[in-house]
Amino acid sequence: MADVKWGWTADYIQACNCDWGCPCNWNAPPTGGLCRGFSAYRIRSGRHDGVTLDGLHAAFAMKWPGPIHEGGGVAAVYVDERATARQRDALLGIIRGEAGGLPFHILAVVVDRWLEPLSLPFDFEVDGPRSSVTVGSIARAELEPIRSPVMGNPVGGKIVLDNGFIFKEALVTSLAVFSLMDREMKYSYPGQNGHYALVEYPY
């Protein structure tokens, strides 16, 4: 991986249609047989071949007709509207897998078609299992602690993945809000799976 010329440390929020924990983390079939997801980053520090990415945001939405590893995905990238032209190109190159390195190189392999990227404002709040992100008028994800269906008390936790390539360790949460409305990807999955993690890429 010596030729990979990018890296970042970032806060990460994930929202998807799966049940809590998301079976896709173990290469199992997604809940309901298909995948509808959204991931967002607040980059604490980062660079790409000399271009600084500190303080910027980026996100992507993806959908697959079945398990992710079977491919056939459609995806879109959302870039912080504050990014310069060089920063925008850097973020697009990273997330679409063109810059190499995990996790995006693997994700790009299973995406058949990328929609036109959009530059949008971000509102990203980091608060552990209550973190949230809004991307323009397109996407909103609000995490909340999982509550016991029996007692109603918070029972959230975390997962540690020996071979995780999106994250190695993350909080497992529920979604108080999750809505994505963008062209071919229009869905809402409140109450389903969410994650918060601090990630360092590339793995």
N, C-alpha and C. Protein backbone atom coordinates (compact mmCIF):
# COMPACT_ATOMS: atom_id res chain seq x y z
N MET A 1 0.82 -1.20 0.00
CA MET A 1 0.00 0.00 0.00
C MET A 1 0.87 1.26 0.00
N ALA A 2 2.14 1.09 -0.32
CA ALA A 2 3.07 2.22 -0.26
C ALA A 2 2.73 3.31 -1.28
N ASP A 3 2.02 2.96 -2.36
CA ASP A 3 1.71 3.94 -3.39
C ASP A 3 0.43 4.73 -3.09
N VAL A 4 -0.26 4.42 -1.98
CA VAL A 4 -1.46 5.15 -1.62
C VAL A 4 -1.06 6.48 -1.00
N LYS A 5 -1.52 7.58 -1.59
CA LYS A 5 -1.06 8.91 -1.21
C LYS A 5 -2.13 9.71 -0.48
N TRP A 6 -2.95 9.04 0.31
CA TRP A 6 -3.97 9.75 1.06
C TRP A 6 -4.16 9.08 2.42
N GLY A 7 -4.78 9.82 3.31
CA GLY A 7 -5.12 9.28 4.61
C GLY A 7 -5.93 10.30 5.39
N TRP A 8 -6.77 9.82 6.31
CA TRP A 8 -7.48 10.75 7.18
C TRP A 8 -7.89 10.08 8.48
N THR A 9 -8.08 10.92 9.49
CA THR A 9 -8.72 10.55 10.74
C THR A 9 -10.05 11.29 10.77
N ALA A 10 -11.14 10.54 10.99
CA ALA A 10 -12.46 11.16 10.82
C ALA A 10 -13.49 10.55 11.76
N ASP A 11 -14.46 11.37 12.14
CA ASP A 11 -15.67 10.87 12.78
C ASP A 11 -16.55 10.28 11.69
N TYR A 12 -17.19 9.15 12.02
CA TYR A 12 -17.94 8.39 11.01
C TYR A 12 -19.33 8.07 11.54
N ILE A 13 -20.34 8.33 10.73
CA ILE A 13 -21.71 7.95 11.02
C ILE A 13 -22.22 7.07 9.88
N GLN A 14 -22.83 5.96 10.26
CA GLN A 14 -23.44 5.06 9.27
C GLN A 14 -24.90 4.85 9.61
N ALA A 15 -25.73 4.79 8.59
CA ALA A 15 -27.16 4.49 8.74
C ALA A 15 -27.55 3.52 7.63
N CYS A 16 -28.33 2.49 7.98
CA CYS A 16 -28.73 1.54 6.94
C CYS A 16 -30.04 0.86 7.30
N ASN A 17 -30.53 0.04 6.38
CA ASN A 17 -31.82 -0.61 6.55
C ASN A 17 -31.75 -1.88 7.39
N CYS A 18 -30.55 -2.31 7.78
CA CYS A 18 -30.42 -3.57 8.50
C CYS A 18 -30.88 -3.46 9.95
N ASP A 19 -31.11 -4.61 10.57
CA ASP A 19 -31.37 -4.65 12.00
C ASP A 19 -30.11 -4.24 12.75
N TRP A 20 -30.26 -3.94 14.05
CA TRP A 20 -29.15 -3.47 14.85
C TRP A 20 -27.92 -4.38 14.74
N GLY A 21 -26.79 -3.77 14.52
CA GLY A 21 -25.54 -4.52 14.38
C GLY A 21 -25.14 -4.75 12.94
N CYS A 22 -26.11 -4.88 12.04
CA CYS A 22 -25.91 -5.05 10.60
C CYS A 22 -25.15 -6.33 10.27
N PRO A 23 -25.85 -7.36 9.78
CA PRO A 23 -25.19 -8.62 9.44
C PRO A 23 -24.13 -8.49 8.35
N CYS A 24 -24.18 -7.40 7.56
CA CYS A 24 -23.18 -7.21 6.51
C CYS A 24 -21.77 -7.09 7.10
N ASN A 25 -21.67 -6.70 8.38
CA ASN A 25 -20.36 -6.61 9.03
C ASN A 25 -19.67 -7.95 9.10
N TRP A 26 -20.43 -9.03 8.97
CA TRP A 26 -19.85 -10.38 9.00
C TRP A 26 -20.06 -11.10 7.67
N ASN A 27 -20.27 -10.33 6.61
CA ASN A 27 -20.49 -10.88 5.27
C ASN A 27 -21.73 -11.77 5.18
N ALA A 28 -22.67 -11.55 6.09
CA ALA A 28 -23.94 -12.27 6.05
C ALA A 28 -24.93 -11.47 5.20
N PRO A 29 -26.00 -12.10 4.73
CA PRO A 29 -26.98 -11.37 3.92
C PRO A 29 -27.59 -10.22 4.71
N PRO A 30 -27.83 -9.09 4.08
CA PRO A 30 -28.44 -7.96 4.77
C PRO A 30 -29.88 -8.26 5.17
N THR A 31 -30.36 -7.57 6.20
CA THR A 31 -31.74 -7.73 6.64
C THR A 31 -32.69 -7.44 5.48
N GLY A 32 -33.60 -8.36 5.22
CA GLY A 32 -34.54 -8.16 4.12
C GLY A 32 -33.98 -8.50 2.77
N GLY A 33 -32.68 -8.89 2.71
CA GLY A 33 -32.10 -9.37 1.47
C GLY A 33 -31.46 -8.33 0.58
N LEU A 34 -31.66 -7.03 0.89
CA LEU A 34 -31.05 -5.98 0.08
C LEU A 34 -30.40 -4.95 0.99
N CYS A 35 -29.59 -4.07 0.41
CA CYS A 35 -28.85 -3.08 1.20
C CYS A 35 -29.19 -1.67 0.74
N ARG A 36 -29.53 -0.83 1.70
CA ARG A 36 -29.76 0.60 1.47
C ARG A 36 -29.02 1.35 2.57
N GLY A 37 -27.98 2.08 2.22
CA GLY A 37 -27.16 2.66 3.26
C GLY A 37 -26.65 4.05 2.95
N PHE A 38 -26.07 4.66 3.99
CA PHE A 38 -25.55 6.02 3.93
C PHE A 38 -24.43 6.14 4.95
N SER A 39 -23.33 6.78 4.56
CA SER A 39 -22.18 6.97 5.44
C SER A 39 -21.66 8.39 5.29
N ALA A 40 -21.27 8.98 6.42
CA ALA A 40 -20.78 10.37 6.41
C ALA A 40 -19.54 10.50 7.28
N TYR A 41 -18.66 11.43 6.88
CA TYR A 41 -17.40 11.64 7.57
C TYR A 41 -17.20 13.11 7.91
N ARG A 42 -16.70 13.36 9.11
CA ARG A 42 -16.18 14.67 9.47
C ARG A 42 -14.67 14.48 9.64
N ILE A 43 -13.90 15.00 8.70
CA ILE A 43 -12.46 14.74 8.66
C ILE A 43 -11.76 15.66 9.66
N ARG A 44 -11.17 15.06 10.68
CA ARG A 44 -10.42 15.83 11.67
C ARG A 44 -9.08 16.30 11.09
N SER A 45 -8.40 15.37 10.45
CA SER A 45 -7.16 15.70 9.75
C SER A 45 -7.01 14.74 8.58
N GLY A 46 -6.59 15.27 7.43
CA GLY A 46 -6.46 14.42 6.27
C GLY A 46 -5.71 15.11 5.14
N ARG A 47 -5.26 14.29 4.21
CA ARG A 47 -4.55 14.84 3.05
C ARG A 47 -4.64 13.84 1.90
N HIS A 48 -4.45 14.39 0.72
CA HIS A 48 -4.40 13.56 -0.49
C HIS A 48 -3.35 14.15 -1.41
N ASP A 49 -2.23 13.48 -1.50
CA ASP A 49 -1.16 13.87 -2.43
C ASP A 49 -0.86 15.38 -2.33
N GLY A 50 -0.70 15.85 -1.09
CA GLY A 50 -0.34 17.24 -0.87
C GLY A 50 -1.51 18.18 -0.65
N VAL A 51 -2.75 17.71 -0.85
CA VAL A 51 -3.94 18.53 -0.65
C VAL A 51 -4.48 18.27 0.75
N THR A 52 -4.62 19.32 1.56
CA THR A 52 -5.11 19.19 2.93
C THR A 52 -6.64 19.09 2.94
N LEU A 53 -7.13 18.16 3.76
CA LEU A 53 -8.58 17.93 3.84
C LEU A 53 -9.13 18.22 5.23
N ASP A 54 -8.33 18.81 6.10
CA ASP A 54 -8.72 19.06 7.48
C ASP A 54 -10.03 19.85 7.56
N GLY A 55 -10.94 19.38 8.41
CA GLY A 55 -12.17 20.12 8.68
C GLY A 55 -13.28 19.96 7.66
N LEU A 56 -13.05 19.20 6.61
CA LEU A 56 -14.07 19.01 5.57
C LEU A 56 -14.95 17.81 5.88
N HIS A 57 -16.07 17.74 5.18
CA HIS A 57 -17.01 16.64 5.30
C HIS A 57 -17.18 15.96 3.95
N ALA A 58 -17.56 14.71 3.99
CA ALA A 58 -17.91 13.97 2.78
C ALA A 58 -18.86 12.86 3.17
N ALA A 59 -19.66 12.42 2.22
CA ALA A 59 -20.61 11.34 2.49
C ALA A 59 -20.89 10.59 1.20
N PHE A 60 -21.45 9.41 1.35
CA PHE A 60 -21.90 8.67 0.17
C PHE A 60 -23.13 7.85 0.53
N ALA A 61 -23.97 7.64 -0.47
CA ALA A 61 -25.15 6.79 -0.35
C ALA A 61 -25.00 5.67 -1.36
N MET A 62 -25.41 4.47 -0.96
CA MET A 62 -25.29 3.32 -1.85
C MET A 62 -26.49 2.40 -1.68
N LYS A 63 -26.82 1.70 -2.74
CA LYS A 63 -27.85 0.67 -2.66
C LYS A 63 -27.43 -0.52 -3.51
N TRP A 64 -27.74 -1.70 -3.00
CA TRP A 64 -27.47 -2.94 -3.71
C TRP A 64 -28.73 -3.78 -3.75
N PRO A 65 -28.94 -4.54 -4.84
CA PRO A 65 -30.15 -5.37 -4.95
C PRO A 65 -30.10 -6.62 -4.09
N GLY A 66 -28.92 -6.93 -3.54
CA GLY A 66 -28.74 -8.11 -2.70
C GLY A 66 -27.56 -7.89 -1.78
N PRO A 67 -26.88 -8.96 -1.35
CA PRO A 67 -25.69 -8.80 -0.53
C PRO A 67 -24.64 -7.93 -1.23
N ILE A 68 -23.95 -7.10 -0.47
CA ILE A 68 -22.99 -6.16 -1.05
C ILE A 68 -21.96 -6.85 -1.91
N HIS A 69 -21.45 -8.01 -1.45
CA HIS A 69 -20.35 -8.66 -2.18
C HIS A 69 -20.78 -9.19 -3.54
N GLU A 70 -22.09 -9.25 -3.79
CA GLU A 70 -22.56 -9.70 -5.10
C GLU A 70 -22.58 -8.58 -6.13
N GLY A 71 -22.36 -7.35 -5.70
CA GLY A 71 -22.24 -6.24 -6.64
C GLY A 71 -23.57 -5.71 -7.14
N GLY A 72 -23.48 -4.95 -8.21
CA GLY A 72 -24.68 -4.34 -8.78
C GLY A 72 -25.10 -3.06 -8.10
N GLY A 73 -24.18 -2.42 -7.39
CA GLY A 73 -24.52 -1.25 -6.61
C GLY A 73 -24.66 0.04 -7.41
N VAL A 74 -25.47 0.94 -6.90
CA VAL A 74 -25.59 2.30 -7.39
C VAL A 74 -25.19 3.22 -6.24
N ALA A 75 -24.40 4.26 -6.51
CA ALA A 75 -23.89 5.10 -5.43
C ALA A 75 -23.79 6.56 -5.85
N ALA A 76 -23.78 7.44 -4.85
CA ALA A 76 -23.57 8.86 -5.07
C ALA A 76 -22.68 9.41 -3.97
N VAL A 77 -21.85 10.38 -4.32
CA VAL A 77 -20.95 11.02 -3.37
C VAL A 77 -21.41 12.45 -3.14
N TYR A 78 -21.37 12.87 -1.88
CA TYR A 78 -21.72 14.23 -1.49
C TYR A 78 -20.49 14.87 -0.85
N VAL A 79 -20.09 16.02 -1.38
CA VAL A 79 -18.86 16.68 -0.95
C VAL A 79 -19.21 18.01 -0.29
N ASP A 80 -18.49 18.34 0.75
CA ASP A 80 -18.65 19.61 1.46
C ASP A 80 -18.58 20.78 0.48
N GLU A 81 -19.58 21.64 0.51
CA GLU A 81 -19.62 22.77 -0.42
C GLU A 81 -18.49 23.76 -0.17
N ARG A 82 -17.83 23.69 0.98
CA ARG A 82 -16.71 24.58 1.29
C ARG A 82 -15.40 24.13 0.64
N ALA A 83 -15.37 22.93 0.08
CA ALA A 83 -14.14 22.40 -0.50
C ALA A 83 -13.74 23.20 -1.75
N THR A 84 -12.44 23.41 -1.90
CA THR A 84 -11.93 24.00 -3.13
C THR A 84 -12.02 22.97 -4.25
N ALA A 85 -11.75 23.39 -5.46
CA ALA A 85 -11.79 22.46 -6.59
C ALA A 85 -10.82 21.30 -6.39
N ARG A 86 -9.62 21.59 -5.88
CA ARG A 86 -8.64 20.52 -5.65
C ARG A 86 -9.09 19.59 -4.53
N GLN A 87 -9.67 20.16 -3.47
CA GLN A 87 -10.15 19.33 -2.37
C GLN A 87 -11.33 18.46 -2.82
N ARG A 88 -12.20 19.04 -3.62
CA ARG A 88 -13.34 18.28 -4.14
C ARG A 88 -12.86 17.11 -4.98
N ASP A 89 -11.92 17.35 -5.87
CA ASP A 89 -11.38 16.27 -6.70
C ASP A 89 -10.72 15.20 -5.84
N ALA A 90 -10.03 15.63 -4.79
CA ALA A 90 -9.37 14.68 -3.90
C ALA A 90 -10.39 13.79 -3.20
N LEU A 91 -11.43 14.38 -2.66
CA LEU A 91 -12.45 13.62 -1.96
C LEU A 91 -13.18 12.66 -2.89
N LEU A 92 -13.50 13.11 -4.08
CA LEU A 92 -14.16 12.24 -5.05
C LEU A 92 -13.25 11.06 -5.44
N GLY A 93 -11.99 11.36 -5.66
CA GLY A 93 -11.05 10.30 -6.04
C GLY A 93 -10.90 9.25 -4.96
N ILE A 94 -10.91 9.70 -3.70
CA ILE A 94 -10.80 8.77 -2.58
C ILE A 94 -12.03 7.89 -2.46
N ILE A 95 -13.21 8.52 -2.39
CA ILE A 95 -14.42 7.76 -2.11
C ILE A 95 -14.81 6.86 -3.27
N ARG A 96 -14.54 7.26 -4.49
CA ARG A 96 -14.85 6.39 -5.64
C ARG A 96 -13.78 5.34 -5.88
N GLY A 97 -12.80 5.24 -4.97
CA GLY A 97 -11.81 4.17 -5.04
C GLY A 97 -10.67 4.41 -5.99
N GLU A 98 -10.65 5.58 -6.65
CA GLU A 98 -9.63 5.84 -7.65
C GLU A 98 -8.25 6.07 -7.03
N ALA A 99 -8.22 6.45 -5.74
CA ALA A 99 -6.94 6.71 -5.06
C ALA A 99 -6.38 5.46 -4.40
N GLY A 100 -7.12 4.34 -4.49
CA GLY A 100 -6.66 3.11 -3.86
C GLY A 100 -6.84 3.14 -2.35
N GLY A 101 -6.49 2.06 -1.71
CA GLY A 101 -6.56 1.99 -0.26
C GLY A 101 -7.93 1.62 0.27
N LEU A 102 -7.94 0.94 1.42
CA LEU A 102 -9.19 0.56 2.05
C LEU A 102 -9.73 1.71 2.89
N PRO A 103 -11.06 1.81 2.98
CA PRO A 103 -12.06 0.84 2.54
C PRO A 103 -12.62 1.07 1.14
N PHE A 104 -12.32 2.22 0.56
CA PHE A 104 -13.04 2.63 -0.65
C PHE A 104 -12.70 1.82 -1.89
N HIS A 105 -11.50 1.26 -1.93
CA HIS A 105 -11.14 0.44 -3.09
C HIS A 105 -12.06 -0.77 -3.18
N ILE A 106 -12.36 -1.38 -2.02
CA ILE A 106 -13.26 -2.54 -2.02
C ILE A 106 -14.68 -2.13 -2.38
N LEU A 107 -15.17 -1.04 -1.82
CA LEU A 107 -16.53 -0.60 -2.11
C LEU A 107 -16.71 -0.29 -3.59
N ALA A 108 -15.70 0.33 -4.19
CA ALA A 108 -15.81 0.69 -5.61
C ALA A 108 -15.95 -0.54 -6.51
N VAL A 109 -15.37 -1.65 -6.10
CA VAL A 109 -15.44 -2.87 -6.90
C VAL A 109 -16.87 -3.37 -7.05
N VAL A 110 -17.71 -3.12 -6.04
CA VAL A 110 -19.07 -3.65 -6.08
C VAL A 110 -20.11 -2.59 -6.48
N VAL A 111 -19.64 -1.43 -6.94
CA VAL A 111 -20.54 -0.40 -7.46
C VAL A 111 -20.48 -0.41 -8.98
N ASP A 112 -21.60 -0.61 -9.62
CA ASP A 112 -21.66 -0.63 -11.08
C ASP A 112 -21.82 0.77 -11.68
N ARG A 113 -22.45 1.67 -10.90
CA ARG A 113 -22.77 2.97 -11.48
C ARG A 113 -22.74 4.06 -10.40
N TRP A 114 -22.04 5.15 -10.71
CA TRP A 114 -21.97 6.31 -9.82
C TRP A 114 -22.84 7.43 -10.38
N LEU A 115 -23.70 7.97 -9.56
CA LEU A 115 -24.48 9.13 -9.95
C LEU A 115 -23.59 10.37 -9.90
N GLU A 116 -24.03 11.42 -10.55
CA GLU A 116 -23.27 12.67 -10.56
C GLU A 116 -23.08 13.16 -9.12
N PRO A 117 -21.85 13.49 -8.72
CA PRO A 117 -21.62 13.95 -7.34
C PRO A 117 -22.25 15.32 -7.11
N LEU A 118 -22.54 15.60 -5.84
CA LEU A 118 -23.15 16.87 -5.46
C LEU A 118 -22.32 17.56 -4.38
N SER A 119 -22.21 18.88 -4.46
CA SER A 119 -21.58 19.69 -3.43
C SER A 119 -22.68 20.31 -2.57
N LEU A 120 -22.64 20.04 -1.26
CA LEU A 120 -23.74 20.40 -0.38
C LEU A 120 -23.23 20.87 0.98
N PRO A 121 -24.05 21.61 1.73
CA PRO A 121 -23.68 21.97 3.09
C PRO A 121 -23.88 20.77 4.04
N PHE A 122 -23.03 20.69 5.05
CA PHE A 122 -23.10 19.63 6.05
C PHE A 122 -23.32 20.24 7.44
N ASP A 123 -24.11 19.54 8.24
CA ASP A 123 -24.21 19.84 9.66
C ASP A 123 -23.95 18.52 10.39
N PHE A 124 -22.77 18.39 10.98
CA PHE A 124 -22.30 17.12 11.57
C PHE A 124 -22.05 17.36 13.05
N GLU A 125 -22.81 16.67 13.89
CA GLU A 125 -22.68 16.80 15.34
C GLU A 125 -22.18 15.49 15.93
N VAL A 126 -21.06 15.56 16.66
CA VAL A 126 -20.48 14.38 17.30
C VAL A 126 -20.89 14.33 18.76
N ASP A 127 -21.64 13.28 19.12
CA ASP A 127 -22.08 13.09 20.50
C ASP A 127 -22.26 11.60 20.77
N GLY A 128 -21.23 10.81 20.45
CA GLY A 128 -21.30 9.37 20.70
C GLY A 128 -22.52 8.74 20.08
N PRO A 129 -23.33 8.01 20.89
CA PRO A 129 -24.51 7.33 20.34
C PRO A 129 -25.65 8.27 19.99
N ARG A 130 -25.45 9.56 20.19
CA ARG A 130 -26.45 10.56 19.79
C ARG A 130 -25.91 11.50 18.71
N SER A 131 -24.93 11.05 17.98
CA SER A 131 -24.37 11.86 16.89
C SER A 131 -25.39 11.99 15.77
N SER A 132 -25.20 13.01 14.93
CA SER A 132 -26.15 13.23 13.84
C SER A 132 -25.46 13.93 12.68
N VAL A 133 -26.06 13.82 11.51
CA VAL A 133 -25.55 14.51 10.33
C VAL A 133 -26.70 14.86 9.40
N THR A 134 -26.63 16.06 8.84
CA THR A 134 -27.55 16.49 7.80
C THR A 134 -26.74 16.92 6.60
N VAL A 135 -27.14 16.48 5.42
CA VAL A 135 -26.45 16.83 4.18
C VAL A 135 -27.46 17.53 3.27
N GLY A 136 -27.33 18.86 3.18
CA GLY A 136 -28.27 19.64 2.39
C GLY A 136 -29.70 19.30 2.76
N SER A 137 -30.54 19.19 1.75
CA SER A 137 -31.92 18.75 1.97
C SER A 137 -32.10 17.29 1.55
N ILE A 138 -30.96 16.60 1.35
CA ILE A 138 -30.99 15.24 0.80
C ILE A 138 -31.02 14.17 1.87
N ALA A 139 -30.19 14.32 2.91
CA ALA A 139 -30.02 13.24 3.86
C ALA A 139 -30.03 13.75 5.30
N ARG A 140 -30.60 12.94 6.20
CA ARG A 140 -30.58 13.22 7.62
C ARG A 140 -30.50 11.90 8.37
N ALA A 141 -29.52 11.79 9.27
CA ALA A 141 -29.38 10.61 10.12
C ALA A 141 -29.14 11.08 11.55
N GLU A 142 -29.97 10.65 12.47
CA GLU A 142 -29.82 10.94 13.89
C GLU A 142 -29.71 9.61 14.64
N LEU A 143 -28.59 9.41 15.30
CA LEU A 143 -28.40 8.20 16.09
C LEU A 143 -29.03 8.36 17.46
N GLU A 144 -29.41 7.24 18.06
CA GLU A 144 -29.88 7.22 19.44
C GLU A 144 -29.54 5.87 20.04
N PRO A 145 -29.37 5.81 21.37
CA PRO A 145 -29.05 4.52 21.99
C PRO A 145 -30.15 3.49 21.74
N ILE A 146 -29.75 2.25 21.56
CA ILE A 146 -30.70 1.15 21.47
C ILE A 146 -31.39 1.01 22.83
N ARG A 147 -32.69 0.78 22.81
CA ARG A 147 -33.43 0.55 24.05
C ARG A 147 -34.03 -0.85 24.04
N SER A 148 -34.01 -1.48 25.18
CA SER A 148 -34.58 -2.81 25.32
C SER A 148 -36.05 -2.81 24.93
N PRO A 149 -36.45 -3.68 24.01
CA PRO A 149 -37.87 -3.76 23.65
C PRO A 149 -38.74 -4.22 24.81
N VAL A 150 -38.12 -4.84 25.83
CA VAL A 150 -38.87 -5.35 26.99
C VAL A 150 -38.97 -4.30 28.09
N MET A 151 -37.81 -3.74 28.50
CA MET A 151 -37.77 -2.83 29.64
C MET A 151 -37.74 -1.36 29.25
N GLY A 152 -37.31 -1.07 28.03
CA GLY A 152 -37.25 0.31 27.58
C GLY A 152 -36.00 1.06 27.99
N ASN A 153 -35.09 0.41 28.70
CA ASN A 153 -33.86 1.06 29.14
C ASN A 153 -32.79 0.97 28.06
N PRO A 154 -31.84 1.93 28.04
CA PRO A 154 -30.76 1.88 27.04
C PRO A 154 -29.91 0.63 27.20
N VAL A 155 -29.65 -0.06 26.10
CA VAL A 155 -28.84 -1.30 26.14
C VAL A 155 -27.81 -1.29 25.01
N GLY A 156 -27.40 -0.12 24.60
CA GLY A 156 -26.44 -0.04 23.50
C GLY A 156 -25.10 -0.63 23.88
N GLY A 157 -24.27 -0.82 22.88
CA GLY A 157 -22.95 -1.36 23.09
C GLY A 157 -22.06 -1.05 21.91
N LYS A 158 -21.02 -1.82 21.76
CA LYS A 158 -20.11 -1.63 20.64
C LYS A 158 -19.72 -2.97 20.06
N ILE A 159 -19.22 -2.93 18.83
CA ILE A 159 -18.70 -4.13 18.19
C ILE A 159 -17.25 -3.88 17.81
N VAL A 160 -16.47 -4.95 17.88
CA VAL A 160 -15.07 -4.94 17.48
C VAL A 160 -14.91 -5.98 16.38
N LEU A 161 -14.42 -5.56 15.22
CA LEU A 161 -14.30 -6.44 14.07
C LEU A 161 -12.83 -6.70 13.76
N ASP A 162 -12.41 -7.94 13.89
CA ASP A 162 -11.02 -8.27 13.62
C ASP A 162 -10.61 -7.92 12.20
N ASN A 163 -11.53 -8.13 11.26
CA ASN A 163 -11.22 -7.88 9.85
C ASN A 163 -12.08 -6.77 9.26
N GLY A 164 -12.57 -5.87 10.09
CA GLY A 164 -13.41 -4.79 9.59
C GLY A 164 -12.63 -3.86 8.68
N PHE A 165 -13.23 -3.44 7.59
CA PHE A 165 -12.53 -2.52 6.70
C PHE A 165 -13.23 -1.16 6.61
N ILE A 166 -14.47 -1.04 7.09
CA ILE A 166 -15.10 0.26 7.24
C ILE A 166 -14.70 0.86 8.58
N PHE A 167 -14.74 0.04 9.62
CA PHE A 167 -14.25 0.42 10.94
C PHE A 167 -13.78 -0.84 11.65
N LYS A 168 -12.92 -0.65 12.62
CA LYS A 168 -12.46 -1.76 13.46
C LYS A 168 -13.30 -1.88 14.72
N GLU A 169 -13.77 -0.74 15.23
CA GLU A 169 -14.59 -0.71 16.43
C GLU A 169 -15.60 0.42 16.29
N ALA A 170 -16.85 0.15 16.68
CA ALA A 170 -17.90 1.16 16.53
C ALA A 170 -18.98 0.97 17.56
N LEU A 171 -19.63 2.07 17.93
CA LEU A 171 -20.84 2.00 18.72
C LEU A 171 -21.97 1.46 17.85
N VAL A 172 -22.83 0.64 18.45
CA VAL A 172 -24.03 0.16 17.76
C VAL A 172 -25.20 0.96 18.29
N THR A 173 -25.94 1.59 17.41
CA THR A 173 -27.06 2.44 17.82
C THR A 173 -28.30 2.12 17.00
N SER A 174 -29.38 2.73 17.41
CA SER A 174 -30.60 2.76 16.60
C SER A 174 -30.65 4.10 15.88
N LEU A 175 -31.59 4.23 14.98
CA LEU A 175 -31.76 5.47 14.22
C LEU A 175 -33.05 6.16 14.63
N ALA A 176 -32.88 7.31 15.31
CA ALA A 176 -34.06 8.12 15.61
C ALA A 176 -34.66 8.65 14.32
N VAL A 177 -33.77 9.00 13.39
CA VAL A 177 -34.16 9.50 12.07
C VAL A 177 -33.19 8.97 11.05
N PHE A 178 -33.68 8.48 9.94
CA PHE A 178 -32.83 8.21 8.78
C PHE A 178 -33.67 8.36 7.53
N SER A 179 -33.33 9.36 6.74
CA SER A 179 -34.05 9.61 5.50
C SER A 179 -33.05 10.05 4.44
N LEU A 180 -33.17 9.47 3.26
CA LEU A 180 -32.35 9.85 2.11
C LEU A 180 -33.27 10.01 0.91
N MET A 181 -33.21 11.18 0.28
CA MET A 181 -34.05 11.46 -0.86
C MET A 181 -33.21 12.07 -1.97
N ASP A 182 -32.65 11.22 -2.81
CA ASP A 182 -31.77 11.68 -3.87
C ASP A 182 -31.95 10.84 -5.13
N ARG A 183 -32.58 11.40 -6.12
CA ARG A 183 -32.70 10.78 -7.43
C ARG A 183 -33.18 9.33 -7.33
N GLU A 184 -32.33 8.36 -7.66
CA GLU A 184 -32.74 6.95 -7.65
C GLU A 184 -32.72 6.33 -6.26
N MET A 185 -32.26 7.06 -5.28
CA MET A 185 -32.14 6.53 -3.92
C MET A 185 -33.04 7.32 -2.99
N LYS A 186 -34.21 6.78 -2.74
CA LYS A 186 -35.19 7.43 -1.89
C LYS A 186 -35.71 6.40 -0.89
N TYR A 187 -35.31 6.57 0.38
CA TYR A 187 -35.73 5.61 1.39
C TYR A 187 -35.60 6.23 2.77
N SER A 188 -36.30 5.62 3.73
CA SER A 188 -36.29 6.08 5.11
C SER A 188 -36.38 4.86 6.02
N TYR A 189 -35.47 4.77 6.99
CA TYR A 189 -35.43 3.59 7.85
C TYR A 189 -35.23 3.96 9.33
N PRO A 190 -36.13 4.75 9.91
CA PRO A 190 -36.01 5.01 11.34
C PRO A 190 -36.15 3.72 12.14
N GLY A 191 -35.42 3.63 13.24
CA GLY A 191 -35.49 2.45 14.08
C GLY A 191 -34.53 1.34 13.69
N GLN A 192 -33.85 1.50 12.57
CA GLN A 192 -32.93 0.46 12.12
C GLN A 192 -31.49 0.75 12.59
N ASN A 193 -30.52 0.17 11.91
CA ASN A 193 -29.14 0.16 12.40
C ASN A 193 -28.38 1.46 12.15
N GLY A 194 -27.64 1.88 13.18
CA GLY A 194 -26.72 3.00 13.04
C GLY A 194 -25.40 2.69 13.72
N HIS A 195 -24.34 3.37 13.29
CA HIS A 195 -23.02 3.22 13.91
C HIS A 195 -22.37 4.60 14.05
N TYR A 196 -21.58 4.75 15.10
CA TYR A 196 -20.64 5.87 15.20
C TYR A 196 -19.26 5.29 15.48
N ALA A 197 -18.25 5.83 14.80
CA ALA A 197 -16.87 5.39 15.03
C ALA A 197 -15.91 6.52 14.73
N LEU A 198 -14.74 6.42 15.31
CA LEU A 198 -13.61 7.25 14.92
C LEU A 198 -12.70 6.37 14.08
N VAL A 199 -12.46 6.75 12.83
CA VAL A 199 -11.73 5.88 11.90
C VAL A 199 -10.45 6.55 11.43
N GLU A 200 -9.49 5.72 11.10
CA GLU A 200 -8.24 6.18 10.49
C GLU A 200 -8.03 5.38 9.22
N TYR A 201 -8.08 6.06 8.09
CA TYR A 201 -7.92 5.42 6.78
C TYR A 201 -6.63 5.90 6.14
N PRO A 202 -6.08 5.14 5.18
CA PRO A 202 -6.54 3.81 4.76
C PRO A 202 -6.08 2.73 5.72
N TYR A 203 -6.84 1.64 5.75
CA TYR A 203 -6.46 0.48 6.57
C TYR A 203 -5.38 -0.30 5.86
